Protein backbone atom coordinates (compact mmCIF):
# COMPACT_ATOMS: atom_id res chain seq x y z
CA MET A 1 79.46 39.73 63.76
CA ARG A 2 78.06 42.83 65.66
CA MET A 3 80.10 43.73 68.94
CA PRO A 4 79.10 45.08 71.95
CA PRO A 5 78.35 48.99 72.33
CA SER A 6 81.53 51.11 72.24
CA ARG A 7 82.13 52.26 75.59
CA LEU A 8 84.51 55.17 76.73
CA GLY A 9 88.10 53.96 77.86
CA ARG A 10 90.46 51.27 76.14
CA PRO A 11 88.89 50.28 72.43
CA PRO A 12 87.07 46.74 72.50
CA ARG A 13 89.60 43.88 71.49
CA VAL A 14 88.71 43.15 67.74
CA THR A 15 91.08 40.71 65.48
CA PRO A 16 91.99 41.73 61.71
CA ALA A 17 89.35 39.00 60.69
CA GLN A 18 86.45 40.70 62.58
CA ILE A 19 87.26 43.81 60.65
CA ALA A 20 87.44 42.14 57.46
CA GLU A 21 84.08 40.44 58.13
CA ALA A 22 82.28 43.40 58.69
CA ALA A 23 83.71 45.16 55.32
CA LEU A 24 82.85 42.05 53.47
CA GLU A 25 79.32 41.92 55.15
CA ILE A 26 78.53 45.60 54.34
CA GLY A 27 79.89 45.10 50.76
CA LEU A 28 83.40 46.12 49.76
CA ASP A 29 82.00 49.17 47.33
CA ARG A 30 80.38 50.42 50.40
CA ALA A 31 81.96 49.77 53.12
CA THR A 32 84.26 52.65 54.89
CA VAL A 33 85.84 52.75 58.19
CA ARG A 34 83.03 54.80 59.95
CA ASN A 35 80.14 52.06 58.96
CA VAL A 36 82.46 49.21 59.51
CA ALA A 37 83.23 50.66 63.37
CA GLU A 38 79.50 51.18 63.63
CA LEU A 39 79.10 47.62 62.78
CA LEU A 40 81.42 46.35 64.83
CA GLY A 41 80.23 48.49 68.20
CA MET A 42 83.22 50.56 68.36
CA SER A 43 84.33 54.31 67.81
CA VAL A 44 86.24 55.20 64.76
CA PRO A 45 89.08 56.19 66.24
CA GLY A 46 88.99 52.98 68.00
CA LEU A 47 89.23 51.32 64.70
CA TYR A 48 92.20 53.43 63.73
CA HIS A 49 94.03 51.50 65.99
CA HIS A 50 93.55 48.63 63.17
CA VAL A 51 93.15 50.30 59.97
CA ARG A 52 94.28 54.03 59.00
CA THR A 53 92.34 54.58 55.78
CA ARG A 54 89.74 53.05 53.64
CA GLU A 55 92.18 51.42 51.38
CA ASP A 56 94.09 49.92 54.08
CA LEU A 57 90.43 48.40 55.08
CA LEU A 58 89.53 47.17 51.67
CA ALA A 59 93.16 45.36 51.49
CA MET A 60 92.59 43.59 54.53
CA ALA A 61 89.41 42.66 53.39
CA ALA A 62 90.44 41.45 49.97
CA ALA A 63 93.25 39.45 51.80
CA HIS A 64 90.46 37.96 54.10
CA SER A 65 88.26 36.57 51.24
CA LEU A 66 90.97 35.27 49.34
CA GLN A 67 92.51 33.31 52.15
CA ALA A 68 88.98 31.71 52.46
CA LEU A 69 88.94 30.40 48.82
CA GLN A 70 89.24 26.90 48.35
CA LEU A 71 91.22 25.71 45.03
CA PRO A 72 89.31 23.01 42.90
CA ASP A 73 90.10 19.51 43.63
CA HIS A 74 91.78 17.41 41.16
CA ARG A 75 90.16 14.43 40.82
CA GLY A 76 92.13 12.72 38.02
CA GLN A 77 90.45 14.57 35.10
CA PRO A 78 92.31 15.63 32.12
CA LEU A 79 95.25 18.31 33.11
CA GLU A 80 93.21 20.98 30.44
CA THR A 81 89.89 20.33 32.42
CA TRP A 82 91.40 20.94 35.77
CA LEU A 83 93.51 24.15 34.46
CA THR A 84 90.05 25.54 33.11
CA GLU A 85 88.38 24.99 36.27
CA TYR A 86 91.24 26.52 38.41
CA SER A 87 91.39 29.53 35.98
CA ARG A 88 87.53 30.17 36.05
CA PHE A 89 87.92 29.94 39.92
CA VAL A 90 90.16 32.45 40.26
CA TYR A 91 88.67 34.95 37.45
CA ASP A 92 85.29 34.60 39.08
CA ALA A 93 86.96 35.81 42.39
CA LEU A 94 88.54 38.69 40.67
CA VAL A 95 85.33 39.80 38.91
CA ALA A 96 83.42 39.61 41.95
CA GLN A 97 85.87 41.61 44.12
CA PRO A 98 88.07 43.80 41.92
CA GLU A 99 90.00 44.83 45.18
CA LEU A 100 91.47 41.81 44.74
CA ILE A 101 93.21 43.09 41.36
CA GLY A 102 94.37 46.01 43.21
CA GLN A 103 96.22 44.28 45.78
CA ILE A 104 97.77 42.16 42.56
CA LEU A 105 98.80 45.57 41.25
CA ALA A 106 100.30 47.17 44.50
CA GLY A 107 102.04 43.60 45.43
CA THR A 108 100.34 43.30 48.56
CA VAL A 109 98.86 40.03 47.82
CA ASN A 110 98.96 37.56 51.15
CA THR A 111 102.08 35.80 50.24
CA LEU A 112 101.11 33.01 52.75
CA ARG A 113 97.96 32.19 50.80
CA GLN A 114 99.68 32.74 47.30
CA VAL A 115 102.80 30.15 48.61
CA GLN A 116 99.44 27.81 49.35
CA HIS A 117 98.05 27.84 45.92
CA LEU A 118 101.67 27.39 43.93
CA GLU A 119 101.91 24.22 46.26
CA ARG A 120 98.76 22.76 45.16
CA PHE A 121 99.51 24.04 41.31
CA PHE A 122 102.78 22.50 41.43
CA GLU A 123 101.44 19.21 42.79
CA VAL A 124 99.13 19.01 40.12
CA LEU A 125 101.21 20.02 37.17
CA THR A 126 104.07 17.50 38.64
CA GLU A 127 101.71 14.74 38.49
CA HIS A 128 101.22 15.64 34.70
CA GLY A 129 104.83 15.36 34.24
CA ARG A 130 105.82 19.36 34.50
CA THR A 131 109.24 20.21 36.52
CA VAL A 132 108.75 22.81 39.05
CA THR A 133 110.13 25.38 37.27
CA ASP A 134 107.92 24.88 34.06
CA ALA A 135 105.04 24.58 36.43
CA TYR A 136 105.91 28.00 38.03
CA ASP A 137 106.31 29.32 34.20
CA ALA A 138 102.74 28.30 33.43
CA TYR A 139 101.30 29.58 37.02
CA ALA A 140 102.80 33.10 35.81
CA MET A 141 101.42 32.73 32.23
CA LEU A 142 97.72 31.47 33.55
CA MET A 143 97.63 34.29 36.39
CA ALA A 144 98.68 36.99 33.33
CA ALA A 145 95.85 35.90 31.15
CA VAL A 146 93.05 35.35 34.02
CA THR A 147 93.82 38.77 35.71
CA GLY A 148 93.84 40.72 32.64
CA ALA A 149 90.64 38.98 31.56
CA ALA A 150 88.93 39.67 34.82
CA ALA A 151 90.24 43.27 34.85
CA SER A 152 88.37 43.53 31.03
CA THR A 153 85.39 42.01 32.19
CA ILE A 154 85.24 44.59 35.33
CA GLY A 155 86.03 47.57 33.09
CA HIS A 156 83.38 46.69 30.43
CA ASP A 157 80.85 45.91 33.04
CA ALA A 158 81.17 48.91 34.53
CA ALA A 159 80.93 51.18 31.32
CA ALA A 160 78.04 49.22 30.17
CA GLU A 161 76.44 49.84 33.55
CA ALA A 162 77.45 53.49 33.31
CA GLY A 163 75.92 53.72 29.87
CA HIS A 164 78.95 53.24 27.54
CA PRO A 165 79.17 49.94 26.28
CA THR A 166 82.56 49.66 24.39
CA LEU A 167 81.19 48.81 21.03
CA GLY A 168 78.28 51.47 21.32
CA ASP A 169 81.14 54.18 22.03
CA LEU A 170 82.94 52.93 19.14
CA ARG A 171 80.10 53.49 17.04
CA ARG A 172 79.31 56.82 18.00
CA ALA A 173 82.93 57.93 17.69
CA ALA A 174 83.32 56.22 14.27
CA ASP A 175 79.88 58.21 13.43
CA ALA A 176 81.23 61.27 14.20
CA LEU A 177 84.49 61.16 12.55
CA GLY A 178 82.89 59.98 9.44
CA ARG A 179 82.74 56.11 8.33
CA ASP A 180 85.32 57.20 5.63
CA GLU A 181 87.79 58.27 8.15
CA VAL A 182 87.72 54.95 10.15
CA PRO A 183 86.88 52.45 7.18
CA LEU A 184 88.55 49.35 9.01
CA VAL A 185 86.85 50.38 12.55
CA ASP A 186 83.55 50.36 10.56
CA GLU A 187 83.85 47.14 9.07
CA LEU A 188 84.46 45.79 12.56
CA LEU A 189 81.19 47.13 14.05
CA ARG A 190 79.42 45.75 11.07
CA ARG A 191 80.76 42.58 11.53
CA ARG A 192 80.81 42.57 15.28
CA ARG A 193 77.46 42.46 17.45
CA ARG A 194 78.96 41.58 21.02
CA GLU A 195 82.42 41.99 22.87
CA PRO A 196 84.17 38.93 22.70
CA ASP A 197 84.50 36.80 25.97
CA PRO A 198 87.55 38.06 27.71
CA PHE A 199 87.87 34.52 29.36
CA ASP A 200 88.77 33.28 25.42
CA ALA A 201 92.28 34.64 26.12
CA VAL A 202 92.55 32.22 29.33
CA LEU A 203 91.27 29.39 27.44
CA VAL A 204 94.16 29.79 24.67
CA ALA A 205 96.60 30.03 27.74
CA VAL A 206 95.31 26.74 29.15
CA GLU A 207 95.42 25.12 25.77
CA GLN A 208 98.95 26.39 25.28
CA ILE A 209 99.91 24.91 28.60
CA SER A 210 98.43 21.72 28.19
CA ARG A 211 99.89 20.97 24.90
CA ALA A 212 103.37 21.67 26.09
CA ALA A 213 102.55 19.25 28.96
CA ARG A 214 101.87 16.35 27.03
CA PRO A 215 104.01 13.45 26.63
CA ASP A 216 104.89 13.53 23.10
CA ARG A 217 106.23 17.09 23.63
CA ARG A 218 108.26 16.53 26.25
CA ALA A 219 109.96 13.62 23.98
CA ASP A 220 110.55 15.77 21.31
CA ARG A 221 112.05 18.34 23.75
CA SER A 222 114.28 15.89 25.13
CA SER A 223 115.47 14.20 21.89
CA ARG A 224 116.63 17.82 20.70
């Protein structure tokens, strides 16, 4: 990974992949233009020929990381099983690299890689009797659930790491207001001892998509 020491004159040749890999090697939470340039053995002005800001750097690294991920194999397992595996794969990738969510929100996801994901997703769902348009609707529904679940997990984990777990903060706020002022929240806090798993919402979406793909449901729709 480390490139030859920087020298005066023309900046050393470096590819976007090398820049992305250097950022990933450092860690996206710590990567800056300066320390990536240092790892690559080039000057900061030299790296500015390729990325202008830390945000550009993180977007490049996140896109490179997403391109390297391989979709789960379809081995003839039930559709619900494959959808759960696929959802967990995407969810884990987003939680591990929150910058990917930033790309989704900014609309800068690598389109070529997204098309490859869609093609594989469509292949599996059409094998189970879905049309391409139905498969795309299912994909959009699933990605909305997965992205929301991952963002929720990232937020909860960050709050807990900062010493502000969600339920703990709610308890402190309820106590400050007085339990009589928020009796329903107080009831929740007495009944609920831990946060719900955000991935449960994904499983609901998976079940809905799988149920809609079953032959009896398609037959019902065609007879209407």
